[in-house]
Amino acid sequence: MRKICLLLFVFVSCCCFKVAGKSKLTIGNITFNGAIVDPDPAPTADFKTLIVPIKRVGNLIVIEATVDTLQGNFVLDTGAPYLILNETYFRNSPNIGDSEATGITGASSGSFTTYVRNFSILDLQYSRLTAQVTDLSFIENGRNIKILGLLGTRLFSKFAVTVDLFRNVLYIQKLDKDGNIPESERVYHDRFMVSSFKLLNDVIFLKGDVNNNTFWFAFDTAAETNLLDYERVKKIIPSMQVIGRSKLTGVGGSNFEVIYARFDELIIGNRTFMKNRVLLTSLEKMGNSYGYNVDGVLGYDFFVRGIFTINFVKKEFEMYIYTNQE
């Protein structure tokens, strides 16, 4: 029986923070308690296209960034809403509010809200940026690499970001008045998939079909595999091939068993993906932290299939094949 090693998925992907003393955020009929609603100052971006090298650490996307005077590794994490810092290196940062970090295995207390005076990714620079501080040591222990923090979606809310895992490069691009990448700045052409997405509590949700059943997936660049909620998909499990069982490691080092399976047909946007792998487990606690049901998570097993672009202004997700670079 095959064993799958997932060292950090539970916390890193789709982590949500409940922050003491903050107000509620309501989107439609969904309310998020303790959301950070005060906007940070807009970043300084003296570029049209910023090219950032990627380090591959297992299935994680790692780039270098600088917090004040400390430079180091950050995980690109579209399952996180904003900048998250590792308390190992930032425990003495100013505490401007207690918080609670929540993943699919529950909550991790001891986190707090802070701010950093300066944060930069090469020429992309932020001043007095709000962040969360929490324990990320299990990532470092599992991957044997120093990790300063996680880069969440709010950092890129005014841009389009493109990840090319074939050349290990990240593009951060300014958009025109219509929310498009200027034609002169486009690196990739002839997209083979496009899908609109919802941005709820700063987390990307893509609509998809699994074996002719519709689900909403959180898109998470820090998830090392795909996930489906067991209760929501159990009626279609007979149409899947169960490969084996494995242990997931979550907040506080807790372990629990999940089912590893394969299914034939995943439709996202206008594209059908075949031979998909997925872990079946409970996503109830993750959904509770969002105030929104989470049917599944699309991670590395999904986005490794092509070069992908997230346009945060137009709320569009695109994929390209490698040969379409000019």
Protein backbone atom coordinates (compact mmCIF):
# COMPACT_ATOMS: atom_id res chain seq x y z
CA MET A 1 0.00 0.00 0.00
CA ARG A 2 1.41 3.31 -1.04
CA LYS A 3 2.46 5.83 1.62
CA ILE A 4 2.13 9.55 0.98
CA CYS A 5 4.23 12.03 2.93
CA LEU A 6 2.43 15.36 3.49
CA LEU A 7 4.39 17.35 6.00
CA LEU A 8 2.61 20.67 6.04
CA PHE A 9 -0.58 20.75 4.04
CA VAL A 10 -3.07 21.10 6.87
CA PHE A 11 -1.90 24.40 8.24
CA VAL A 12 -0.22 26.12 5.34
CA SER A 13 -2.99 25.66 2.84
CA CYS A 14 -6.14 27.65 3.42
CA CYS A 15 -5.14 28.86 6.86
CA CYS A 16 -7.53 31.42 8.29
CA PHE A 17 -6.99 33.79 11.20
CA LYS A 18 -9.50 34.89 13.79
CA VAL A 19 -8.19 38.13 15.21
CA ALA A 20 -9.27 39.43 18.59
CA GLY A 21 -10.61 42.96 18.61
CA LYS A 22 -11.15 43.20 14.84
CA SER A 23 -14.49 43.70 13.14
CA LYS A 24 -16.59 41.32 11.07
CA LEU A 25 -16.38 41.18 7.29
CA THR A 26 -19.52 40.21 5.37
CA ILE A 27 -19.55 39.16 1.71
CA GLY A 28 -23.06 38.37 0.54
CA ASN A 29 -24.55 36.17 3.25
CA ILE A 30 -21.14 35.01 4.50
CA THR A 31 -19.65 36.60 7.62
CA PHE A 32 -15.98 36.31 8.58
CA ASN A 33 -15.34 37.00 12.26
CA GLY A 34 -12.16 38.85 13.13
CA ALA A 35 -11.17 39.68 9.56
CA ILE A 36 -8.56 42.37 9.00
CA VAL A 37 -10.53 44.97 7.07
CA ASP A 38 -8.28 48.04 7.31
CA PRO A 39 -6.35 48.30 4.04
CA ASP A 40 -2.58 48.55 4.07
CA PRO A 41 -0.93 51.32 2.05
CA ALA A 42 -0.52 50.53 -1.65
CA PRO A 43 2.89 49.08 -2.53
CA THR A 44 5.54 50.88 -4.52
CA ALA A 45 6.02 49.03 -7.80
CA ASP A 46 8.57 50.65 -10.10
CA PHE A 47 8.26 48.06 -12.86
CA LYS A 48 5.95 46.70 -15.54
CA THR A 49 7.00 43.08 -15.12
CA LEU A 50 8.96 41.90 -12.10
CA ILE A 51 10.83 38.60 -12.60
CA VAL A 52 11.42 36.70 -9.35
CA PRO A 53 13.45 33.45 -9.15
CA ILE A 54 11.71 30.45 -7.58
CA LYS A 55 13.31 27.86 -5.32
CA ARG A 56 11.65 24.44 -5.42
CA VAL A 57 11.48 22.80 -1.98
CA GLY A 58 9.63 19.56 -2.52
CA ASN A 59 6.33 20.68 -4.03
CA LEU A 60 6.52 24.12 -2.43
CA ILE A 61 7.12 27.41 -4.25
CA VAL A 62 9.70 29.42 -2.30
CA ILE A 63 10.98 32.91 -3.10
CA GLU A 64 13.24 35.36 -1.31
CA ALA A 65 11.86 38.50 0.31
CA THR A 66 12.99 41.00 2.95
CA VAL A 67 11.21 42.00 6.17
CA ASP A 68 12.82 45.18 7.49
CA THR A 69 16.49 44.10 7.47
CA LEU A 70 15.94 40.31 7.53
CA GLN A 71 16.12 38.53 4.18
CA GLY A 72 15.08 34.94 3.66
CA ASN A 73 12.72 32.30 2.26
CA PHE A 74 8.94 32.69 1.99
CA VAL A 75 6.41 30.15 0.73
CA LEU A 76 3.99 31.42 -1.92
CA ASP A 77 0.65 30.48 -0.34
CA THR A 78 -2.60 31.44 -2.08
CA GLY A 79 -4.43 29.57 0.67
CA ALA A 80 -3.33 32.27 3.11
CA PRO A 81 -5.02 35.69 3.05
CA TYR A 82 -2.04 37.95 3.77
CA LEU A 83 1.55 38.01 5.03
CA ILE A 84 2.21 35.41 7.75
CA LEU A 85 5.48 35.44 9.71
CA ASN A 86 7.23 32.62 11.55
CA GLU A 87 7.28 33.32 15.28
CA THR A 88 10.72 31.73 15.56
CA TYR A 89 12.13 34.92 14.03
CA PHE A 90 9.38 37.47 14.77
CA ARG A 91 8.17 36.65 18.29
CA ASN A 92 9.39 40.06 19.50
CA SER A 93 7.46 42.00 16.87
CA PRO A 94 4.86 44.56 18.11
CA ASN A 95 1.67 42.79 19.21
CA ILE A 96 -1.38 44.76 18.02
CA GLY A 97 -3.94 42.00 18.59
CA ASP A 98 -4.17 38.33 19.51
CA SER A 99 -5.32 35.89 16.85
CA GLU A 100 -6.11 32.24 16.25
CA ALA A 101 -4.78 30.27 13.29
CA THR A 102 -7.18 27.67 11.96
CA GLY A 103 -6.61 24.77 9.58
CA ILE A 104 -8.54 21.60 8.76
CA THR A 105 -7.38 19.94 11.99
CA GLY A 106 -8.45 22.81 14.24
CA ALA A 107 -6.91 25.88 15.81
CA SER A 108 -3.44 26.85 16.93
CA SER A 109 -3.41 29.47 19.69
CA GLY A 110 -0.60 31.88 20.53
CA SER A 111 -0.66 33.74 17.22
CA PHE A 112 -0.86 37.52 17.08
CA THR A 113 -1.23 40.41 14.67
CA THR A 114 1.72 42.70 14.02
CA TYR A 115 3.04 45.15 11.46
CA VAL A 116 6.35 45.43 9.65
CA ARG A 117 7.84 48.76 8.66
CA ASN A 118 9.17 47.56 5.32
CA PHE A 119 8.57 44.46 3.24
CA SER A 120 9.94 43.88 -0.24
CA ILE A 121 10.18 41.34 -3.04
CA LEU A 122 12.92 42.85 -5.18
CA ASP A 123 11.37 46.10 -6.55
CA LEU A 124 7.92 45.43 -5.07
CA GLN A 125 7.97 47.31 -1.77
CA TYR A 126 5.42 47.77 1.03
CA SER A 127 5.46 50.16 3.99
CA ARG A 128 3.89 49.41 7.40
CA LEU A 129 2.35 46.15 6.29
CA THR A 130 -0.03 44.20 8.55
CA ALA A 131 0.96 40.58 9.19
CA GLN A 132 0.21 37.60 11.40
CA VAL A 133 2.83 35.85 13.53
CA THR A 134 2.44 32.15 14.26
CA ASP A 135 4.45 28.93 14.62
CA LEU A 136 5.69 27.63 11.25
CA SER A 137 8.46 25.45 12.67
CA PHE A 138 6.88 22.24 11.37
CA ILE A 139 7.52 23.44 7.80
CA GLU A 140 11.19 24.01 8.58
CA ASN A 141 11.50 20.68 10.39
CA GLY A 142 9.75 18.80 7.61
CA ARG A 143 11.71 20.38 4.77
CA ASN A 144 14.98 21.22 6.55
CA ILE A 145 14.93 24.80 5.32
CA LYS A 146 14.65 28.15 7.09
CA ILE A 147 11.25 29.70 6.36
CA LEU A 148 10.53 33.27 7.43
CA GLY A 149 6.87 33.20 6.45
CA LEU A 150 4.07 32.78 3.92
CA LEU A 151 3.05 35.14 1.13
CA GLY A 152 -0.74 35.37 0.97
CA THR A 153 -3.05 36.68 -1.73
CA ARG A 154 -3.57 40.22 -0.42
CA LEU A 155 0.04 41.08 -1.24
CA PHE A 156 -0.76 40.69 -4.95
CA SER A 157 -4.31 42.11 -5.06
CA LYS A 158 -3.42 44.83 -7.62
CA PHE A 159 -1.39 42.57 -9.92
CA ALA A 160 -1.36 39.47 -12.07
CA VAL A 161 1.08 36.78 -10.99
CA THR A 162 2.36 33.99 -13.24
CA VAL A 163 4.15 30.89 -11.99
CA ASP A 164 6.38 28.93 -14.38
CA LEU A 165 7.55 25.81 -12.57
CA PHE A 166 9.38 24.63 -15.67
CA ARG A 167 11.83 27.55 -15.59
CA ASN A 168 11.43 28.24 -11.85
CA VAL A 169 10.36 31.85 -12.23
CA LEU A 170 7.54 34.02 -10.89
CA TYR A 171 6.26 37.05 -12.82
CA ILE A 172 4.48 39.89 -11.00
CA GLN A 173 2.88 42.23 -13.53
CA LYS A 174 1.11 45.56 -13.50
CA LEU A 175 -2.24 45.71 -15.26
CA ASP A 176 -3.76 48.27 -17.62
CA LYS A 177 -6.91 50.31 -16.94
CA ASP A 178 -9.06 47.36 -18.06
CA GLY A 179 -7.33 44.93 -15.70
CA ASN A 180 -5.35 43.15 -18.42
CA ILE A 181 -1.66 42.42 -18.77
CA PRO A 182 -0.46 44.84 -21.49
CA GLU A 183 0.12 42.96 -24.74
CA SER A 184 3.73 44.16 -24.88
CA GLU A 185 4.36 42.59 -21.45
CA ARG A 186 2.77 39.21 -22.10
CA VAL A 187 5.21 36.34 -21.73
CA TYR A 188 2.78 33.52 -22.57
CA HIS A 189 0.14 33.22 -25.29
CA ASP A 190 -2.52 30.78 -26.50
CA ARG A 191 -3.86 29.81 -23.11
CA PHE A 192 -5.39 26.34 -22.97
CA MET A 193 -7.60 27.01 -19.95
CA VAL A 194 -9.34 30.01 -18.39
CA SER A 195 -11.73 30.21 -15.45
CA SER A 196 -13.22 33.03 -13.44
CA PHE A 197 -12.90 32.72 -9.68
CA LYS A 198 -14.41 34.07 -6.49
CA LEU A 199 -12.19 35.77 -3.94
CA LEU A 200 -13.71 35.12 -0.49
CA ASN A 201 -11.80 36.27 2.57
CA ASP A 202 -8.80 36.69 0.25
CA VAL A 203 -8.90 33.01 -0.76
CA ILE A 204 -9.35 31.93 -4.40
CA PHE A 205 -12.32 29.64 -5.10
CA LEU A 206 -12.60 27.88 -8.49
CA LYS A 207 -15.73 26.08 -9.65
CA GLY A 208 -15.12 22.58 -10.95
CA ASP A 209 -16.76 19.28 -11.84
CA VAL A 210 -15.60 15.88 -10.61
CA ASN A 211 -17.14 12.96 -12.48
CA ASN A 212 -20.15 15.16 -13.41
CA ASN A 213 -20.62 16.59 -9.89
CA THR A 214 -20.06 20.31 -9.22
CA PHE A 215 -17.81 21.48 -6.35
CA TRP A 216 -16.05 24.65 -5.21
CA PHE A 217 -12.29 24.33 -4.75
CA ALA A 218 -9.91 26.59 -2.86
CA PHE A 219 -6.81 27.10 -5.01
CA ASP A 220 -3.72 26.73 -2.85
CA THR A 221 -0.13 26.98 -4.06
CA ALA A 222 1.12 25.65 -0.70
CA ALA A 223 -0.97 22.46 -0.86
CA GLU A 224 1.22 19.54 -1.85
CA THR A 225 -1.69 17.57 -3.26
CA ASN A 226 -5.40 17.92 -4.05
CA LEU A 227 -8.11 17.45 -1.40
CA LEU A 228 -11.82 16.64 -1.43
CA ASP A 229 -14.16 16.72 1.54
CA TYR A 230 -15.18 13.13 2.33
CA GLU A 231 -18.78 13.92 3.31
CA ARG A 232 -19.42 15.92 0.16
CA VAL A 233 -17.99 13.37 -2.26
CA LYS A 234 -18.75 10.04 -0.59
CA LYS A 235 -21.58 9.36 -3.04
CA ILE A 236 -19.08 9.40 -5.93
CA ILE A 237 -16.30 7.45 -4.18
CA PRO A 238 -17.45 4.23 -5.94
CA SER A 239 -16.50 5.93 -9.23
CA MET A 240 -12.95 6.51 -7.94
CA GLN A 241 -10.03 4.13 -7.59
CA VAL A 242 -8.87 3.95 -3.98
CA ILE A 243 -5.08 3.65 -4.02
CA GLY A 244 -4.29 3.59 -0.34
CA ARG A 245 -4.36 5.36 2.99
CA SER A 246 -1.94 7.76 4.58
CA LYS A 247 -1.28 10.07 7.54
CA LEU A 248 -1.57 13.85 7.39
CA THR A 249 0.34 16.03 9.83
CA GLY A 250 -1.53 19.06 11.10
CA VAL A 251 -1.41 21.88 13.63
CA GLY A 252 0.57 20.90 16.71
CA GLY A 253 1.92 17.77 15.02
CA SER A 254 -1.40 15.86 15.20
CA ASN A 255 -1.86 12.98 12.75
CA PHE A 256 -4.98 11.51 11.18
CA GLU A 257 -5.77 9.05 8.41
CA VAL A 258 -6.96 9.99 4.93
CA ILE A 259 -7.88 8.07 1.79
CA TYR A 260 -5.77 8.47 -1.33
CA ALA A 261 -7.68 8.00 -4.58
CA ARG A 262 -7.62 8.54 -8.33
CA PHE A 263 -10.45 9.70 -10.58
CA ASP A 264 -10.75 10.25 -14.30
CA GLU A 265 -12.43 13.58 -14.98
CA LEU A 266 -11.87 17.02 -13.45
CA ILE A 267 -13.29 20.02 -15.34
CA ILE A 268 -12.06 23.51 -14.47
CA GLY A 269 -13.20 26.36 -16.71
CA ASN A 270 -13.11 25.15 -20.30
CA ARG A 271 -10.61 22.32 -19.76
CA THR A 272 -10.92 18.65 -18.80
CA PHE A 273 -8.07 17.17 -16.76
CA MET A 274 -7.69 13.38 -16.74
CA LYS A 275 -5.99 10.97 -14.32
CA ASN A 276 -6.35 13.08 -11.19
CA ARG A 277 -5.04 12.22 -7.72
CA VAL A 278 -6.73 13.37 -4.54
CA LEU A 279 -6.85 12.90 -0.77
CA LEU A 280 -10.29 12.41 0.78
CA THR A 281 -10.65 13.83 4.29
CA SER A 282 -12.84 16.14 6.38
CA LEU A 283 -12.68 19.84 5.49
CA GLU A 284 -15.33 20.83 8.03
CA LYS A 285 -12.97 22.73 10.32
CA MET A 286 -11.51 24.61 7.40
CA GLY A 287 -15.01 25.56 6.27
CA ASN A 288 -15.94 26.71 9.76
CA SER A 289 -12.93 29.02 9.85
CA TYR A 290 -14.03 30.62 6.56
CA GLY A 291 -17.75 30.71 7.28
CA TYR A 292 -18.01 29.08 3.86
CA ASN A 293 -18.21 25.44 2.78
CA VAL A 294 -15.02 24.09 1.25
CA ASP A 295 -15.66 21.16 -1.08
CA GLY A 296 -12.03 20.65 -2.03
CA VAL A 297 -8.59 22.11 -2.54
CA LEU A 298 -6.57 22.25 -5.76
CA GLY A 299 -2.86 21.99 -5.03
CA TYR A 300 0.40 20.92 -6.62
CA ASP A 301 -1.02 17.89 -8.42
CA PHE A 302 -3.29 20.29 -10.31
CA PHE A 303 -1.16 23.35 -11.03
CA VAL A 304 2.00 21.43 -11.98
CA ARG A 305 0.23 20.56 -15.25
CA GLY A 306 0.98 23.94 -16.77
CA ILE A 307 2.14 27.51 -16.35
CA PHE A 308 -0.59 29.43 -14.52
CA THR A 309 -1.58 33.07 -14.16
CA ILE A 310 -3.79 34.59 -11.46
CA ASN A 311 -5.25 37.97 -12.38
CA PHE A 312 -6.46 39.34 -9.06
CA VAL A 313 -8.14 42.40 -10.60
CA LYS A 314 -10.22 40.57 -13.23
CA LYS A 315 -10.49 37.49 -11.00
CA GLU A 316 -9.38 35.15 -13.75
CA PHE A 317 -7.24 32.01 -13.58
CA GLU A 318 -5.39 30.94 -16.74
CA MET A 319 -3.10 28.06 -17.69
CA TYR A 320 -0.58 27.80 -20.53
CA ILE A 321 1.61 25.02 -21.88
CA TYR A 322 5.35 25.51 -21.66
CA THR A 323 5.94 25.79 -25.42
CA ASN A 324 3.77 28.92 -25.60
CA GLN A 325 6.50 31.22 -24.31
CA GLU A 326 7.91 33.65 -26.84
